Amino acid sequence: MLKYNEPIIFKIQKYYLGNILDENNEELIAEIENNLKKEGLKLLIKAIWNLNDLDSVLNFIKYLKKNYDGKHTISVTDAECRWMPDKKGVMGLNYNFQVVIDDKNDFIIEKNIVNDPSDHHQLIHMIERVKMKLSQHPNFYTADNGYYTLPTLEYLFQNNIKAIIPDRNQSSQMKRKNKDQKYNKVNFKYNWTNDTFTCPQGKTLEHQKDRRIKKELHKVYSTNECKTCKSLKECTKSPKREIIQSAHPLKEKMRQDFHSDYGRQIYKKRLHTGEIFFARLQTRNFPGIRRKTIKNAQSELTLHSIAHNIKIIHKHIKQQ
């Protein structure tokens, strides 16, 4: 801790307002500039330029502290946004916006802005918002793997809401990069009729035992034929290949629904409906949400949603 005879505020003022650097404030200024970034220095200068602004600066710092997650840098201009990837996968200070679109007309039914980088906790909230708006649930919901959590599955079951959501393995199966890796788990085909997996070499992996992983029961599938397989070293570093899958009944039911004929047909619609809004934003050169604070960002998303729905209405009018 540095000690000075002259009040620190005056030593800081000498430099930042008069550009006076001497042996009495040199060490202090060096410490400040080593620890404060550009926006922090702006706040400091605002506070010392007019001491009447000191309280407002301190209150703003308290606001920043309230919104700080303790891990990442925080935006001084918009403390409510968070570090997360945008639609192009570029990390930055962004908001996560959610939309619910009907698969018949492509209308946006509901939308919301959140600063949670993950989608894990968003589906229940969005379903509740849709129910309030429509006074009923749609016949089906579809969502991608980002919304797949056990609390979400429990909520759907308890409220008798039908939904199709792929687990991580099912989601990975739809990605080309995983299909190109011959011995990736996604290339082990599951057989619902006899509860087995078939490996890329055509060998059958049967349910051998159960194993608890992080307090959750999992099924372990394997085969003794791995010992004589010429591709063993390509497939695994272990003496034999094991496929592990959750044994939770709700997860098994969702997997079964996803692989059913109607489940596949319904989820195919999501590949079109679920991304159409974001795709159209890209064709309109949408730069992303520009307004700051969740409240203002929500207003901006509302305007984009209204514009989207008007275009859909215009499209249907032209087709009549």
C-alpha atoms as a PDB file:
ATOM      1  CA  MET A   1       0.000   0.000   0.000  1.00  0.00           C
ATOM      2  CA  LEU A   2       1.440   3.365  -1.034  1.00  0.00           C
ATOM      3  CA  LYS A   3       1.603   6.164   1.534  1.00  0.00           C
ATOM      4  CA  TYR A   4       1.646   9.870   0.712  1.00  0.00           C
ATOM      5  CA  ASN A   5       1.678  13.025   2.826  1.00  0.00           C
ATOM      6  CA  GLU A   6      -0.360  15.005   0.295  1.00  0.00           C
ATOM      7  CA  PRO A   7      -3.995  13.814  -0.247  1.00  0.00           C
ATOM      8  CA  ILE A   8      -4.044  11.257  -3.067  1.00  0.00           C
ATOM      9  CA  ILE A   9      -6.851  12.979  -4.934  1.00  0.00           C
ATOM     10  CA  PHE A  10      -4.667  16.068  -5.477  1.00  0.00           C
ATOM     11  CA  LYS A  11      -1.693  13.984  -6.625  1.00  0.00           C
ATOM     12  CA  ILE A  12      -3.930  12.325  -9.221  1.00  0.00           C
ATOM     13  CA  GLN A  13      -5.390  15.659 -10.298  1.00  0.00           C
ATOM     14  CA  LYS A  14      -1.919  17.118 -10.854  1.00  0.00           C
ATOM     15  CA  TYR A  15      -1.207  14.508 -13.505  1.00  0.00           C
ATOM     16  CA  TYR A  16      -4.546  13.845 -15.206  1.00  0.00           C
ATOM     17  CA  LEU A  17      -5.644  17.478 -15.268  1.00  0.00           C
ATOM     18  CA  GLY A  18      -2.281  19.255 -15.467  1.00  0.00           C
ATOM     19  CA  ASN A  19      -0.056  16.484 -16.895  1.00  0.00           C
ATOM     20  CA  ILE A  20       2.423  17.095 -14.079  1.00  0.00           C
ATOM     21  CA  LEU A  21       4.536  14.033 -13.282  1.00  0.00           C
ATOM     22  CA  ASP A  22       7.115  14.323 -10.505  1.00  0.00           C
ATOM     23  CA  GLU A  23       8.646  12.159  -7.813  1.00  0.00           C
ATOM     24  CA  ASN A  24       5.643  12.820  -5.553  1.00  0.00           C
ATOM     25  CA  ASN A  25       3.108  11.171  -7.846  1.00  0.00           C
ATOM     26  CA  GLU A  26       5.130   9.093 -10.329  1.00  0.00           C
ATOM     27  CA  GLU A  27       4.730   5.796  -8.442  1.00  0.00           C
ATOM     28  CA  LEU A  28       1.034   6.394  -7.846  1.00  0.00           C
ATOM     29  CA  ILE A  29       0.340   7.173 -11.521  1.00  0.00           C
ATOM     30  CA  ALA A  30       2.269   4.064 -12.600  1.00  0.00           C
ATOM     31  CA  GLU A  31       0.162   1.922 -10.245  1.00  0.00           C
ATOM     32  CA  ILE A  32      -3.086   3.405 -11.582  1.00  0.00           C
ATOM     33  CA  GLU A  33      -2.194   2.909 -15.247  1.00  0.00           C
ATOM     34  CA  ASN A  34      -1.035  -0.656 -14.628  1.00  0.00           C
ATOM     35  CA  ASN A  35      -4.367  -1.571 -13.074  1.00  0.00           C
ATOM     36  CA  LEU A  36      -6.939   0.513 -14.931  1.00  0.00           C
ATOM     37  CA  LYS A  37      -7.987   0.093 -18.539  1.00  0.00           C
ATOM     38  CA  LYS A  38      -9.189   2.886 -20.819  1.00  0.00           C
ATOM     39  CA  GLU A  39     -12.803   2.959 -19.594  1.00  0.00           C
ATOM     40  CA  GLY A  40     -11.695   2.825 -15.963  1.00  0.00           C
ATOM     41  CA  LEU A  41      -9.419   5.802 -16.510  1.00  0.00           C
ATOM     42  CA  LYS A  42     -12.329   7.716 -18.023  1.00  0.00           C
ATOM     43  CA  LEU A  43     -14.340   7.161 -14.851  1.00  0.00           C
ATOM     44  CA  LEU A  44     -11.406   8.241 -12.702  1.00  0.00           C
ATOM     45  CA  ILE A  45     -10.887  11.445 -14.674  1.00  0.00           C
ATOM     46  CA  LYS A  46     -14.617  12.203 -14.545  1.00  0.00           C
ATOM     47  CA  ALA A  47     -14.534  11.852 -10.757  1.00  0.00           C
ATOM     48  CA  ILE A  48     -11.501  14.134 -10.250  1.00  0.00           C
ATOM     49  CA  TRP A  49     -12.458  16.685 -12.908  1.00  0.00           C
ATOM     50  CA  ASN A  50     -15.436  17.729 -10.847  1.00  0.00           C
ATOM     51  CA  LEU A  51     -15.655  16.366  -7.309  1.00  0.00           C
ATOM     52  CA  ASN A  52     -19.417  16.874  -7.489  1.00  0.00           C
ATOM     53  CA  ASP A  53     -19.470  13.914  -9.929  1.00  0.00           C
ATOM     54  CA  LEU A  54     -17.662  11.654  -7.462  1.00  0.00           C
ATOM     55  CA  ASP A  55     -20.872  10.251  -5.936  1.00  0.00           C
ATOM     56  CA  SER A  56     -22.358   9.443  -9.336  1.00  0.00           C
ATOM     57  CA  VAL A  57     -19.152   7.632 -10.345  1.00  0.00           C
ATOM     58  CA  LEU A  58     -19.133   5.636  -7.102  1.00  0.00           C
ATOM     59  CA  ASN A  59     -22.805   4.699  -7.585  1.00  0.00           C
ATOM     60  CA  PHE A  60     -22.026   3.579 -11.131  1.00  0.00           C
ATOM     61  CA  ILE A  61     -19.170   1.414  -9.851  1.00  0.00           C
ATOM     62  CA  LYS A  62     -21.599  -0.199  -7.395  1.00  0.00           C
ATOM     63  CA  TYR A  63     -23.924  -0.913 -10.342  1.00  0.00           C
ATOM     64  CA  LEU A  64     -21.045  -2.516 -12.233  1.00  0.00           C
ATOM     65  CA  LYS A  65     -20.112  -4.601  -9.201  1.00  0.00           C
ATOM     66  CA  LYS A  66     -23.710  -5.813  -8.874  1.00  0.00           C
ATOM     67  CA  ASN A  67     -23.656  -7.075 -12.470  1.00  0.00           C
ATOM     68  CA  TYR A  68     -20.119  -8.513 -12.357  1.00  0.00           C
ATOM     69  CA  ASP A  69     -19.920 -12.315 -12.439  1.00  0.00           C
ATOM     70  CA  GLY A  70     -16.450 -12.414 -10.868  1.00  0.00           C
ATOM     71  CA  LYS A  71     -14.896 -14.222 -13.839  1.00  0.00           C
ATOM     72  CA  HIS A  72     -14.883 -12.130 -16.984  1.00  0.00           C
ATOM     73  CA  THR A  73     -14.279  -8.550 -17.947  1.00  0.00           C
ATOM     74  CA  ILE A  74     -17.333  -6.318 -17.785  1.00  0.00           C
ATOM     75  CA  SER A  75     -18.454  -3.648 -20.217  1.00  0.00           C
ATOM     76  CA  VAL A  76     -18.492  -0.191 -18.679  1.00  0.00           C
ATOM     77  CA  THR A  77     -20.906   1.007 -21.367  1.00  0.00           C
ATOM     78  CA  ASP A  78     -23.291  -1.948 -20.902  1.00  0.00           C
ATOM     79  CA  ALA A  79     -22.745  -3.860 -17.683  1.00  0.00           C
ATOM     80  CA  GLU A  80     -25.653  -6.252 -18.325  1.00  0.00           C
ATOM     81  CA  CYS A  81     -24.188  -7.947 -21.411  1.00  0.00           C
ATOM     82  CA  ARG A  82     -21.998 -11.046 -21.046  1.00  0.00           C
ATOM     83  CA  TRP A  83     -19.179 -12.826 -22.873  1.00  0.00           C
ATOM     84  CA  MET A  84     -20.677 -15.368 -25.282  1.00  0.00           C
ATOM     85  CA  PRO A  85     -20.291 -16.465 -28.916  1.00  0.00           C
ATOM     86  CA  ASP A  86     -22.459 -14.808 -31.541  1.00  0.00           C
ATOM     87  CA  LYS A  87     -24.172 -16.681 -34.397  1.00  0.00           C
ATOM     88  CA  LYS A  88     -20.858 -16.828 -36.245  1.00  0.00           C
ATOM     89  CA  GLY A  89     -19.099 -18.292 -33.207  1.00  0.00           C
ATOM     90  CA  VAL A  90     -17.133 -15.117 -32.472  1.00  0.00           C
ATOM     91  CA  MET A  91     -16.688 -14.454 -28.744  1.00  0.00           C
ATOM     92  CA  GLY A  92     -17.662 -11.030 -27.498  1.00  0.00           C
ATOM     93  CA  LEU A  93     -19.889  -9.079 -25.149  1.00  0.00           C
ATOM     94  CA  ASN A  94     -23.354 -10.041 -26.380  1.00  0.00           C
ATOM     95  CA  TYR A  95     -26.913 -10.890 -25.411  1.00  0.00           C
ATOM     96  CA  ASN A  96     -28.632 -14.219 -25.924  1.00  0.00           C
ATOM     97  CA  PHE A  97     -31.950 -13.759 -27.710  1.00  0.00           C
ATOM     98  CA  GLN A  98     -34.619 -16.428 -27.787  1.00  0.00           C
ATOM     99  CA  VAL A  99     -37.475 -16.785 -30.259  1.00  0.00           C
ATOM    100  CA  VAL A 100     -40.402 -19.208 -30.583  1.00  0.00           C
ATOM    101  CA  ILE A 101     -41.654 -19.661 -34.174  1.00  0.00           C
ATOM    102  CA  ASP A 102     -44.665 -21.604 -35.393  1.00  0.00           C
ATOM    103  CA  ASP A 103     -43.926 -24.171 -38.094  1.00  0.00           C
ATOM    104  CA  LYS A 104     -47.014 -23.427 -40.190  1.00  0.00           C
ATOM    105  CA  ASN A 105     -46.596 -19.747 -41.045  1.00  0.00           C
ATOM    106  CA  ASP A 106     -43.121 -18.953 -39.628  1.00  0.00           C
ATOM    107  CA  PHE A 107     -44.589 -16.294 -37.324  1.00  0.00           C
ATOM    108  CA  ILE A 108     -42.638 -15.296 -34.242  1.00  0.00           C
ATOM    109  CA  ILE A 109     -44.912 -16.200 -31.326  1.00  0.00           C
ATOM    110  CA  GLU A 110     -42.644 -15.086 -28.496  1.00  0.00           C
ATOM    111  CA  LYS A 111     -39.195 -13.587 -28.007  1.00  0.00           C
ATOM    112  CA  ASN A 112     -36.929 -12.661 -25.151  1.00  0.00           C
ATOM    113  CA  ILE A 113     -33.486 -11.223 -24.404  1.00  0.00           C
ATOM    114  CA  VAL A 114     -31.310 -12.734 -21.643  1.00  0.00           C
ATOM    115  CA  ASN A 115     -27.681 -12.330 -20.626  1.00  0.00           C
ATOM    116  CA  ASP A 116     -27.187 -16.007 -19.782  1.00  0.00           C
ATOM    117  CA  PRO A 117     -24.675 -17.430 -22.328  1.00  0.00           C
ATOM    118  CA  SER A 118     -26.273 -20.883 -22.037  1.00  0.00           C
ATOM    119  CA  ASP A 119     -29.670 -22.004 -23.380  1.00  0.00           C
ATOM    120  CA  HIS A 120     -29.980 -24.635 -20.637  1.00  0.00           C
ATOM    121  CA  HIS A 121     -32.416 -22.651 -18.499  1.00  0.00           C
ATOM    122  CA  GLN A 122     -34.393 -20.881 -21.230  1.00  0.00           C
ATOM    123  CA  LEU A 123     -36.907 -23.414 -22.570  1.00  0.00           C
ATOM    124  CA  ILE A 124     -39.150 -23.620 -19.500  1.00  0.00           C
ATOM    125  CA  HIS A 125     -39.345 -19.828 -19.303  1.00  0.00           C
ATOM    126  CA  MET A 126     -40.184 -19.512 -23.013  1.00  0.00           C
ATOM    127  CA  ILE A 127     -42.857 -22.233 -22.787  1.00  0.00           C
ATOM    128  CA  GLU A 128     -44.495 -20.360 -19.908  1.00  0.00           C
ATOM    129  CA  ARG A 129     -44.471 -17.140 -21.955  1.00  0.00           C
ATOM    130  CA  VAL A 130     -46.058 -18.920 -24.941  1.00  0.00           C
ATOM    131  CA  LYS A 131     -48.761 -20.418 -22.697  1.00  0.00           C
ATOM    132  CA  MET A 132     -49.611 -16.966 -21.321  1.00  0.00           C
ATOM    133  CA  LYS A 133     -49.855 -15.527 -24.830  1.00  0.00           C
ATOM    134  CA  LEU A 134     -51.811 -18.347 -26.517  1.00  0.00           C
ATOM    135  CA  SER A 135     -53.704 -19.656 -23.449  1.00  0.00           C
ATOM    136  CA  GLN A 136     -52.641 -23.150 -24.535  1.00  0.00           C
ATOM    137  CA  HIS A 137     -49.607 -25.184 -25.521  1.00  0.00           C
ATOM    138  CA  PRO A 138     -48.827 -26.040 -29.157  1.00  0.00           C
ATOM    139  CA  ASN A 139     -49.137 -29.666 -30.237  1.00  0.00           C
ATOM    140  CA  PHE A 140     -45.350 -30.035 -30.119  1.00  0.00           C
ATOM    141  CA  TYR A 141     -42.247 -28.094 -29.209  1.00  0.00           C
ATOM    142  CA  THR A 142     -38.901 -28.742 -30.859  1.00  0.00           C
ATOM    143  CA  ALA A 143     -35.571 -27.426 -29.587  1.00  0.00           C
ATOM    144  CA  ASP A 144     -31.906 -28.179 -30.161  1.00  0.00           C
ATOM    145  CA  ASN A 145     -29.541 -29.892 -27.746  1.00  0.00           C
ATOM    146  CA  GLY A 146     -28.656 -26.636 -25.989  1.00  0.00           C
ATOM    147  CA  TYR A 147     -32.024 -26.820 -24.192  1.00  0.00           C
ATOM    148  CA  TYR A 148     -31.659 -30.474 -23.162  1.00  0.00           C
ATOM    149  CA  THR A 149     -31.491 -30.732 -19.363  1.00  0.00           C
ATOM    150  CA  LEU A 150     -33.057 -33.091 -16.833  1.00  0.00           C
ATOM    151  CA  PRO A 151     -35.063 -30.280 -15.108  1.00  0.00           C
ATOM    152  CA  THR A 152     -36.494 -29.392 -18.536  1.00  0.00           C
ATOM    153  CA  LEU A 153     -37.464 -33.014 -19.229  1.00  0.00           C
ATOM    154  CA  GLU A 154     -39.091 -33.247 -15.795  1.00  0.00           C
ATOM    155  CA  TYR A 155     -41.039 -30.038 -16.420  1.00  0.00           C
ATOM    156  CA  LEU A 156     -42.287 -31.339 -19.785  1.00  0.00           C
ATOM    157  CA  PHE A 157     -43.371 -34.644 -18.247  1.00  0.00           C
ATOM    158  CA  GLN A 158     -45.090 -33.089 -15.213  1.00  0.00           C
ATOM    159  CA  ASN A 159     -47.046 -30.672 -17.414  1.00  0.00           C
ATOM    160  CA  ASN A 160     -47.843 -33.205 -20.135  1.00  0.00           C
ATOM    161  CA  ILE A 161     -46.104 -31.089 -22.779  1.00  0.00           C
ATOM    162  CA  LYS A 162     -44.956 -32.896 -25.915  1.00  0.00           C
ATOM    163  CA  ALA A 163     -41.505 -32.006 -27.186  1.00  0.00           C
ATOM    164  CA  ILE A 164     -38.720 -33.410 -29.341  1.00  0.00           C
ATOM    165  CA  ILE A 165     -35.195 -32.522 -28.166  1.00  0.00           C
ATOM    166  CA  PRO A 166     -32.075 -34.473 -29.167  1.00  0.00           C
ATOM    167  CA  ASP A 167     -29.515 -35.453 -26.547  1.00  0.00           C
ATOM    168  CA  ARG A 168     -25.827 -34.729 -27.121  1.00  0.00           C
ATOM    169  CA  ASN A 169     -25.216 -37.947 -29.060  1.00  0.00           C
ATOM    170  CA  GLN A 170     -28.258 -37.485 -31.296  1.00  0.00           C
ATOM    171  CA  SER A 171     -27.278 -33.885 -31.943  1.00  0.00           C
ATOM    172  CA  SER A 172     -23.708 -34.926 -32.797  1.00  0.00           C
ATOM    173  CA  GLN A 173     -25.009 -37.460 -35.317  1.00  0.00           C
ATOM    174  CA  MET A 174     -26.354 -34.607 -37.435  1.00  0.00           C
ATOM    175  CA  LYS A 175     -22.946 -32.918 -37.724  1.00  0.00           C
ATOM    176  CA  ARG A 176     -20.828 -33.879 -40.710  1.00  0.00           C
ATOM    177  CA  LYS A 177     -17.505 -33.504 -38.870  1.00  0.00           C
ATOM    178  CA  ASN A 178     -18.548 -36.292 -36.455  1.00  0.00           C
ATOM    179  CA  LYS A 179     -19.803 -38.574 -39.215  1.00  0.00           C
ATOM    180  CA  ASP A 180     -16.390 -38.374 -40.844  1.00  0.00           C
ATOM    181  CA  GLN A 181     -14.762 -39.806 -37.690  1.00  0.00           C
ATOM    182  CA  LYS A 182     -15.463 -43.482 -38.236  1.00  0.00           C
ATOM    183  CA  TYR A 183     -15.222 -44.633 -34.604  1.00  0.00           C
ATOM    184  CA  ASN A 184     -16.903 -41.658 -32.983  1.00  0.00           C
ATOM    185  CA  LYS A 185     -19.743 -42.705 -30.663  1.00  0.00           C
ATOM    186  CA  VAL A 186     -22.258 -41.155 -33.056  1.00  0.00           C
ATOM    187  CA  ASN A 187     -21.352 -43.811 -35.628  1.00  0.00           C
ATOM    188  CA  PHE A 188     -22.382 -46.616 -33.274  1.00  0.00           C
ATOM    189  CA  LYS A 189     -25.982 -47.327 -34.304  1.00  0.00           C
ATOM    190  CA  TYR A 190     -28.496 -47.895 -31.505  1.00  0.00           C
ATOM    191  CA  ASN A 191     -31.081 -50.654 -31.986  1.00  0.00           C
ATOM    192  CA  TRP A 192     -34.279 -49.927 -30.075  1.00  0.00           C
ATOM    193  CA  THR A 193     -35.846 -53.361 -30.470  1.00  0.00           C
ATOM    194  CA  ASN A 194     -33.109 -55.259 -28.598  1.00  0.00           C
ATOM    195  CA  ASP A 195     -31.376 -52.420 -26.681  1.00  0.00           C
ATOM    196  CA  THR A 196     -27.956 -52.867 -28.319  1.00  0.00           C
ATOM    197  CA  PHE A 197     -25.415 -50.852 -30.305  1.00  0.00           C
ATOM    198  CA  THR A 198     -23.821 -51.873 -33.589  1.00  0.00           C
ATOM    199  CA  CYS A 199     -20.272 -50.653 -34.138  1.00  0.00           C
ATOM    200  CA  PRO A 200     -18.861 -49.526 -37.540  1.00  0.00           C
ATOM    201  CA  GLN A 201     -17.372 -53.038 -37.966  1.00  0.00           C
ATOM    202  CA  GLY A 202     -20.835 -54.620 -37.605  1.00  0.00           C
ATOM    203  CA  LYS A 203     -20.248 -56.060 -34.118  1.00  0.00           C
ATOM    204  CA  THR A 204     -23.053 -55.944 -31.537  1.00  0.00           C
ATOM    205  CA  LEU A 205     -22.440 -54.215 -28.197  1.00  0.00           C
ATOM    206  CA  GLU A 206     -24.907 -55.474 -25.573  1.00  0.00           C
ATOM    207  CA  HIS A 207     -25.971 -53.938 -22.275  1.00  0.00           C
ATOM    208  CA  GLN A 208     -23.496 -55.527 -19.866  1.00  0.00           C
ATOM    209  CA  LYS A 209     -23.819 -53.558 -16.614  1.00  0.00           C
ATOM    210  CA  ASP A 210     -24.828 -50.290 -15.002  1.00  0.00           C
ATOM    211  CA  ARG A 211     -22.482 -47.629 -13.668  1.00  0.00           C
ATOM    212  CA  ARG A 212     -23.071 -44.511 -11.610  1.00  0.00           C
ATOM    213  CA  ILE A 213     -21.488 -41.362 -13.024  1.00  0.00           C
ATOM    214  CA  LYS A 214     -21.963 -38.171 -10.979  1.00  0.00           C
ATOM    215  CA  LYS A 215     -24.747 -39.915  -9.022  1.00  0.00           C
ATOM    216  CA  GLU A 216     -26.696 -40.715 -12.195  1.00  0.00           C
ATOM    217  CA  LEU A 217     -27.224 -44.279 -13.367  1.00  0.00           C
ATOM    218  CA  HIS A 218     -25.785 -45.122 -16.812  1.00  0.00           C
ATOM    219  CA  LYS A 219     -25.901 -48.224 -18.982  1.00  0.00           C
ATOM    220  CA  VAL A 220     -22.629 -49.690 -20.228  1.00  0.00           C
ATOM    221  CA  TYR A 221     -22.589 -51.499 -23.588  1.00  0.00           C
ATOM    222  CA  SER A 222     -19.649 -53.614 -24.791  1.00  0.00           C
ATOM    223  CA  THR A 223     -18.616 -56.836 -26.559  1.00  0.00           C
ATOM    224  CA  ASN A 224     -15.892 -59.445 -26.110  1.00  0.00           C
ATOM    225  CA  GLU A 225     -15.294 -59.403 -29.877  1.00  0.00           C
ATOM    226  CA  CYS A 226     -13.135 -56.284 -29.493  1.00  0.00           C
ATOM    227  CA  LYS A 227     -10.201 -58.589 -28.620  1.00  0.00           C
ATOM    228  CA  THR A 228     -10.018 -59.968 -32.156  1.00  0.00           C
ATOM    229  CA  CYS A 229     -10.921 -56.751 -33.993  1.00  0.00           C
ATOM    230  CA  LYS A 230      -8.160 -55.424 -36.272  1.00  0.00           C
ATOM    231  CA  SER A 231      -9.420 -51.862 -35.806  1.00  0.00           C
ATOM    232  CA  LEU A 232      -9.287 -51.902 -31.985  1.00  0.00           C
ATOM    233  CA  LYS A 233      -6.409 -49.411 -31.743  1.00  0.00           C
ATOM    234  CA  GLU A 234      -8.206 -46.997 -34.064  1.00  0.00           C
ATOM    235  CA  CYS A 235     -11.400 -47.339 -32.038  1.00  0.00           C
ATOM    236  CA  THR A 236     -10.144 -47.086 -28.443  1.00  0.00           C
ATOM    237  CA  LYS A 237      -7.066 -47.024 -26.223  1.00  0.00           C
ATOM    238  CA  SER A 238      -8.763 -49.421 -23.781  1.00  0.00           C
ATOM    239  CA  PRO A 239      -8.783 -53.234 -24.012  1.00  0.00           C
ATOM    240  CA  LYS A 240     -12.357 -52.993 -25.330  1.00  0.00           C
ATOM    241  CA  ARG A 241     -14.751 -50.289 -26.485  1.00  0.00           C
ATOM    242  CA  GLU A 242     -17.560 -49.239 -24.149  1.00  0.00           C
ATOM    243  CA  ILE A 243     -20.583 -47.124 -25.048  1.00  0.00           C
ATOM    244  CA  ILE A 244     -22.097 -45.379 -22.040  1.00  0.00           C
ATOM    245  CA  GLN A 245     -25.603 -43.972 -22.062  1.00  0.00           C
ATOM    246  CA  SER A 246     -27.843 -42.452 -19.374  1.00  0.00           C
ATOM    247  CA  ALA A 247     -30.409 -44.841 -17.930  1.00  0.00           C
ATOM    248  CA  HIS A 248     -32.714 -42.114 -16.627  1.00  0.00           C
ATOM    249  CA  PRO A 249     -36.273 -43.060 -17.731  1.00  0.00           C
ATOM    250  CA  LEU A 250     -37.151 -39.544 -18.953  1.00  0.00           C
ATOM    251  CA  LYS A 251     -33.971 -39.353 -21.034  1.00  0.00           C
ATOM    252  CA  GLU A 252     -34.649 -42.796 -22.473  1.00  0.00           C
ATOM    253  CA  LYS A 253     -38.222 -41.745 -23.318  1.00  0.00           C
ATOM    254  CA  MET A 254     -36.994 -38.585 -25.077  1.00  0.00           C
ATOM    255  CA  ARG A 255     -34.424 -40.608 -27.056  1.00  0.00           C
ATOM    256  CA  GLN A 256     -37.149 -43.032 -28.076  1.00  0.00           C
ATOM    257  CA  ASP A 257     -39.463 -40.187 -29.145  1.00  0.00           C
ATOM    258  CA  PHE A 258     -36.673 -38.538 -31.139  1.00  0.00           C
ATOM    259  CA  HIS A 259     -35.899 -41.757 -33.040  1.00  0.00           C
ATOM    260  CA  SER A 260     -39.557 -42.565 -33.720  1.00  0.00           C
ATOM    261  CA  ASP A 261     -41.035 -41.899 -37.173  1.00  0.00           C
ATOM    262  CA  TYR A 262     -43.162 -38.979 -35.975  1.00  0.00           C
ATOM    263  CA  GLY A 263     -40.241 -37.611 -33.926  1.00  0.00           C
ATOM    264  CA  ARG A 264     -37.949 -37.482 -36.948  1.00  0.00           C
ATOM    265  CA  GLN A 265     -40.651 -35.862 -39.091  1.00  0.00           C
ATOM    266  CA  ILE A 266     -41.357 -33.198 -36.472  1.00  0.00           C
ATOM    267  CA  TYR A 267     -37.689 -32.424 -35.841  1.00  0.00           C
ATOM    268  CA  LYS A 268     -37.028 -32.000 -39.567  1.00  0.00           C
ATOM    269  CA  LYS A 269     -39.430 -29.046 -39.440  1.00  0.00           C
ATOM    270  CA  ARG A 270     -37.286 -27.421 -36.773  1.00  0.00           C
ATOM    271  CA  LEU A 271     -34.256 -27.445 -39.063  1.00  0.00           C
ATOM    272  CA  HIS A 272     -36.277 -25.121 -41.289  1.00  0.00           C
ATOM    273  CA  THR A 273     -38.481 -23.234 -38.823  1.00  0.00           C
ATOM    274  CA  GLY A 274     -36.078 -22.867 -35.911  1.00  0.00           C
ATOM    275  CA  GLU A 275     -33.344 -21.173 -37.921  1.00  0.00           C
ATOM    276  CA  ILE A 276     -35.385 -19.280 -40.503  1.00  0.00           C
ATOM    277  CA  PHE A 277     -35.603 -16.109 -38.429  1.00  0.00           C
ATOM    278  CA  PHE A 278     -31.841 -15.995 -37.873  1.00  0.00           C
ATOM    279  CA  ALA A 279     -31.153 -16.837 -41.519  1.00  0.00           C
ATOM    280  CA  ARG A 280     -33.378 -13.993 -42.685  1.00  0.00           C
ATOM    281  CA  LEU A 281     -31.674 -11.613 -40.302  1.00  0.00           C
ATOM    282  CA  GLN A 282     -28.395 -12.486 -42.003  1.00  0.00           C
ATOM    283  CA  THR A 283     -29.843 -11.801 -45.461  1.00  0.00           C
ATOM    284  CA  ARG A 284     -30.972  -8.396 -44.168  1.00  0.00           C
ATOM    285  CA  ASN A 285     -27.396  -7.662 -43.063  1.00  0.00           C
ATOM    286  CA  PHE A 286     -28.473  -7.735 -39.426  1.00  0.00           C
ATOM    287  CA  PRO A 287     -25.464  -6.481 -37.416  1.00  0.00           C
ATOM    288  CA  GLY A 288     -26.700  -7.890 -34.114  1.00  0.00           C
ATOM    289  CA  ILE A 289     -28.437  -6.224 -31.185  1.00  0.00           C
ATOM    290  CA  ARG A 290     -27.002  -2.711 -30.917  1.00  0.00           C
ATOM    291  CA  ARG A 291     -28.937  -1.152 -28.052  1.00  0.00           C
ATOM    292  CA  LYS A 292     -27.466  -1.283 -24.578  1.00  0.00           C
ATOM    293  CA  THR A 293     -29.074  -2.737 -21.417  1.00  0.00           C
ATOM    294  CA  ILE A 294     -31.506  -5.648 -21.506  1.00  0.00           C
ATOM    295  CA  LYS A 295     -34.544  -3.357 -21.556  1.00  0.00           C
ATOM    296  CA  ASN A 296     -33.406  -1.462 -24.646  1.00  0.00           C
ATOM    297  CA  ALA A 297     -32.119  -4.612 -26.351  1.00  0.00           C
ATOM    298  CA  GLN A 298     -35.537  -6.189 -25.761  1.00  0.00           C
ATOM    299  CA  SER A 299     -37.177  -3.231 -27.529  1.00  0.00           C
ATOM    300  CA  GLU A 300     -34.844  -3.652 -30.489  1.00  0.00           C
ATOM    301  CA  LEU A 301     -35.597  -7.372 -30.758  1.00  0.00           C
ATOM    302  CA  THR A 302     -39.319  -6.558 -30.626  1.00  0.00           C
ATOM    303  CA  LEU A 303     -38.941  -4.223 -33.620  1.00  0.00           C
ATOM    304  CA  HIS A 304     -37.082  -6.895 -35.598  1.00  0.00           C
ATOM    305  CA  SER A 305     -39.760  -9.464 -34.678  1.00  0.00           C
ATOM    306  CA  ILE A 306     -42.578  -7.139 -35.796  1.00  0.00           C
ATOM    307  CA  ALA A 307     -40.763  -6.517 -39.079  1.00  0.00           C
ATOM    308  CA  HIS A 308     -40.335 -10.267 -39.567  1.00  0.00           C
ATOM    309  CA  ASN A 309     -44.042 -10.976 -38.965  1.00  0.00           C
ATOM    310  CA  ILE A 310     -45.112  -8.146 -41.301  1.00  0.00           C
ATOM    311  CA  LYS A 311     -42.982  -9.664 -44.059  1.00  0.00           C
ATOM    312  CA  ILE A 312     -44.622 -13.058 -43.442  1.00  0.00           C
ATOM    313  CA  ILE A 313     -48.100 -11.480 -43.643  1.00  0.00           C
ATOM    314  CA  HIS A 314     -47.138  -9.681 -46.863  1.00  0.00           C
ATOM    315  CA  LYS A 315     -45.845 -12.953 -48.290  1.00  0.00           C
ATOM    316  CA  HIS A 316     -49.176 -14.723 -47.609  1.00  0.00           C
ATOM    317  CA  ILE A 317     -51.182 -11.817 -49.063  1.00  0.00           C
ATOM    318  CA  LYS A 318     -49.171 -11.989 -52.304  1.00  0.00           C
ATOM    319  CA  GLN A 319     -49.847 -15.745 -52.549  1.00  0.00           C
ATOM    320  CA  GLN A 320     -53.626 -15.290 -52.347  1.00  0.00           C
END
